[in-house]
Amino acid sequence: MGSDVPDPLQILVLPGTADCGNLGDLAMLQVALERLRHLWPAAVLRVLTHEADALTACCPGVEPIPLRGRNRWLRVRTLPRWLFPNVR
């Protein structure tokens, strides 16, 4: 018998900085994640990154997703091409 509880919303975030090296971009990411948490407290937040350890240190509670797989995702049309216009 199935559960009446729906699966949590899953949100994938493309940050302005993939390595957490730009403090301005990192601050905006932290605010965005805080707002998403406020809107959807049960959501699973995932962030594309080159630096998983830096991301989890700066943004606890998010799941780092390796950015290196973006080309594969684009080939199978998982991500919209407008996110990465220069990737072929």
C-alpha atoms as a PDB file:
ATOM      1  CA  MET A   1       0.000   0.000   0.000  1.00  0.00           C
ATOM      2  CA  GLY A   2       1.420   3.440  -0.973  1.00  0.00           C
ATOM      3  CA  SER A   3       2.072   6.259   1.400  1.00  0.00           C
ATOM      4  CA  ASP A   4      -0.126   9.344   1.383  1.00  0.00           C
ATOM      5  CA  VAL A   5       2.936  11.502   2.050  1.00  0.00           C
ATOM      6  CA  PRO A   6       4.254  13.023  -1.196  1.00  0.00           C
ATOM      7  CA  ASP A   7       7.944  12.908  -2.033  1.00  0.00           C
ATOM      8  CA  PRO A   8       9.738  16.090  -0.994  1.00  0.00           C
ATOM      9  CA  LEU A   9      10.312  18.784  -3.573  1.00  0.00           C
ATOM     10  CA  GLN A  10      13.803  18.548  -5.084  1.00  0.00           C
ATOM     11  CA  ILE A  11      15.455  21.823  -6.085  1.00  0.00           C
ATOM     12  CA  LEU A  12      18.647  22.082  -8.148  1.00  0.00           C
ATOM     13  CA  VAL A  13      20.494  25.401  -7.816  1.00  0.00           C
ATOM     14  CA  LEU A  14      23.075  26.730 -10.273  1.00  0.00           C
ATOM     15  CA  PRO A  15      25.173  29.183  -8.235  1.00  0.00           C
ATOM     16  CA  GLY A  16      27.040  32.227  -9.520  1.00  0.00           C
ATOM     17  CA  THR A  17      30.283  30.644  -8.336  1.00  0.00           C
ATOM     18  CA  ALA A  18      31.053  26.951  -8.729  1.00  0.00           C
ATOM     19  CA  ASP A  19      33.916  26.924  -6.219  1.00  0.00           C
ATOM     20  CA  CYS A  20      32.609  29.170  -3.408  1.00  0.00           C
ATOM     21  CA  GLY A  21      35.532  31.514  -4.121  1.00  0.00           C
ATOM     22  CA  ASN A  22      33.550  34.678  -4.826  1.00  0.00           C
ATOM     23  CA  LEU A  23      32.218  36.021  -1.535  1.00  0.00           C
ATOM     24  CA  GLY A  24      29.491  38.119  -3.165  1.00  0.00           C
ATOM     25  CA  ASP A  25      28.145  35.154  -5.130  1.00  0.00           C
ATOM     26  CA  LEU A  26      28.428  32.976  -2.051  1.00  0.00           C
ATOM     27  CA  ALA A  27      26.430  35.474   0.031  1.00  0.00           C
ATOM     28  CA  MET A  28      23.696  35.569  -2.623  1.00  0.00           C
ATOM     29  CA  LEU A  29      23.648  31.754  -2.722  1.00  0.00           C
ATOM     30  CA  GLN A  30      23.277  31.575   1.055  1.00  0.00           C
ATOM     31  CA  VAL A  31      20.369  34.031   0.977  1.00  0.00           C
ATOM     32  CA  ALA A  32      18.715  32.170  -1.912  1.00  0.00           C
ATOM     33  CA  LEU A  33      19.029  28.848  -0.082  1.00  0.00           C
ATOM     34  CA  GLU A  34      17.628  30.401   3.103  1.00  0.00           C
ATOM     35  CA  ARG A  35      14.634  31.736   1.177  1.00  0.00           C
ATOM     36  CA  LEU A  36      14.047  28.398  -0.527  1.00  0.00           C
ATOM     37  CA  ARG A  37      14.171  26.674   2.884  1.00  0.00           C
ATOM     38  CA  HIS A  38      11.635  29.174   4.210  1.00  0.00           C
ATOM     39  CA  LEU A  39       9.278  28.571   1.272  1.00  0.00           C
ATOM     40  CA  TRP A  40       9.689  24.780   1.157  1.00  0.00           C
ATOM     41  CA  PRO A  41      11.086  23.518   4.497  1.00  0.00           C
ATOM     42  CA  ALA A  42      10.925  19.863   3.474  1.00  0.00           C
ATOM     43  CA  ALA A  43      12.601  20.388   0.093  1.00  0.00           C
ATOM     44  CA  VAL A  44      15.861  18.685  -0.830  1.00  0.00           C
ATOM     45  CA  LEU A  45      18.256  21.426  -1.934  1.00  0.00           C
ATOM     46  CA  ARG A  46      21.043  20.461  -4.324  1.00  0.00           C
ATOM     47  CA  VAL A  47      23.710  22.823  -5.618  1.00  0.00           C
ATOM     48  CA  LEU A  48      25.984  22.355  -8.638  1.00  0.00           C
ATOM     49  CA  THR A  49      29.611  22.843  -7.566  1.00  0.00           C
ATOM     50  CA  HIS A  50      33.276  22.082  -8.241  1.00  0.00           C
ATOM     51  CA  GLU A  51      34.074  22.184  -4.501  1.00  0.00           C
ATOM     52  CA  ALA A  52      31.765  19.955  -2.463  1.00  0.00           C
ATOM     53  CA  ASP A  53      33.629  20.450   0.823  1.00  0.00           C
ATOM     54  CA  ALA A  54      33.649  24.248   0.535  1.00  0.00           C
ATOM     55  CA  LEU A  55      29.957  24.271  -0.355  1.00  0.00           C
ATOM     56  CA  THR A  56      28.894  22.125   2.592  1.00  0.00           C
ATOM     57  CA  ALA A  57      31.059  24.232   4.935  1.00  0.00           C
ATOM     58  CA  CYS A  58      29.433  27.463   3.735  1.00  0.00           C
ATOM     59  CA  CYS A  59      25.934  26.129   3.119  1.00  0.00           C
ATOM     60  CA  PRO A  60      25.137  23.321   5.553  1.00  0.00           C
ATOM     61  CA  GLY A  61      22.161  21.145   4.775  1.00  0.00           C
ATOM     62  CA  VAL A  62      22.527  21.190   0.999  1.00  0.00           C
ATOM     63  CA  GLU A  63      23.614  18.331  -1.206  1.00  0.00           C
ATOM     64  CA  PRO A  64      26.562  19.151  -3.474  1.00  0.00           C
ATOM     65  CA  ILE A  65      26.191  17.923  -7.054  1.00  0.00           C
ATOM     66  CA  PRO A  66      29.374  17.701  -9.169  1.00  0.00           C
ATOM     67  CA  LEU A  67      29.302  20.308 -11.917  1.00  0.00           C
ATOM     68  CA  ARG A  68      31.530  18.137 -14.119  1.00  0.00           C
ATOM     69  CA  GLY A  69      28.487  16.125 -15.178  1.00  0.00           C
ATOM     70  CA  ARG A  70      26.694  19.108 -16.738  1.00  0.00           C
ATOM     71  CA  ASN A  71      27.735  18.185 -20.300  1.00  0.00           C
ATOM     72  CA  ARG A  72      26.154  14.757 -19.946  1.00  0.00           C
ATOM     73  CA  TRP A  73      23.008  16.293 -18.492  1.00  0.00           C
ATOM     74  CA  LEU A  74      22.806  18.665 -21.435  1.00  0.00           C
ATOM     75  CA  ARG A  75      23.247  15.833 -23.973  1.00  0.00           C
ATOM     76  CA  VAL A  76      20.325  13.934 -22.488  1.00  0.00           C
ATOM     77  CA  ARG A  77      18.363  17.198 -22.153  1.00  0.00           C
ATOM     78  CA  THR A  78      18.079  17.058 -18.378  1.00  0.00           C
ATOM     79  CA  LEU A  79      19.103  20.707 -18.005  1.00  0.00           C
ATOM     80  CA  PRO A  80      17.904  23.480 -20.300  1.00  0.00           C
ATOM     81  CA  ARG A  81      20.553  24.561 -22.813  1.00  0.00           C
ATOM     82  CA  TRP A  82      20.103  28.257 -21.960  1.00  0.00           C
ATOM     83  CA  LEU A  83      21.882  27.579 -18.645  1.00  0.00           C
ATOM     84  CA  PHE A  84      25.091  26.672 -20.485  1.00  0.00           C
ATOM     85  CA  PRO A  85      24.988  28.268 -23.939  1.00  0.00           C
ATOM     86  CA  ASN A  86      28.685  27.632 -24.679  1.00  0.00           C
ATOM     87  CA  VAL A  87      28.667  23.885 -23.932  1.00  0.00           C
ATOM     88  CA  ARG A  88      28.350  21.608 -26.929  1.00  0.00           C
END
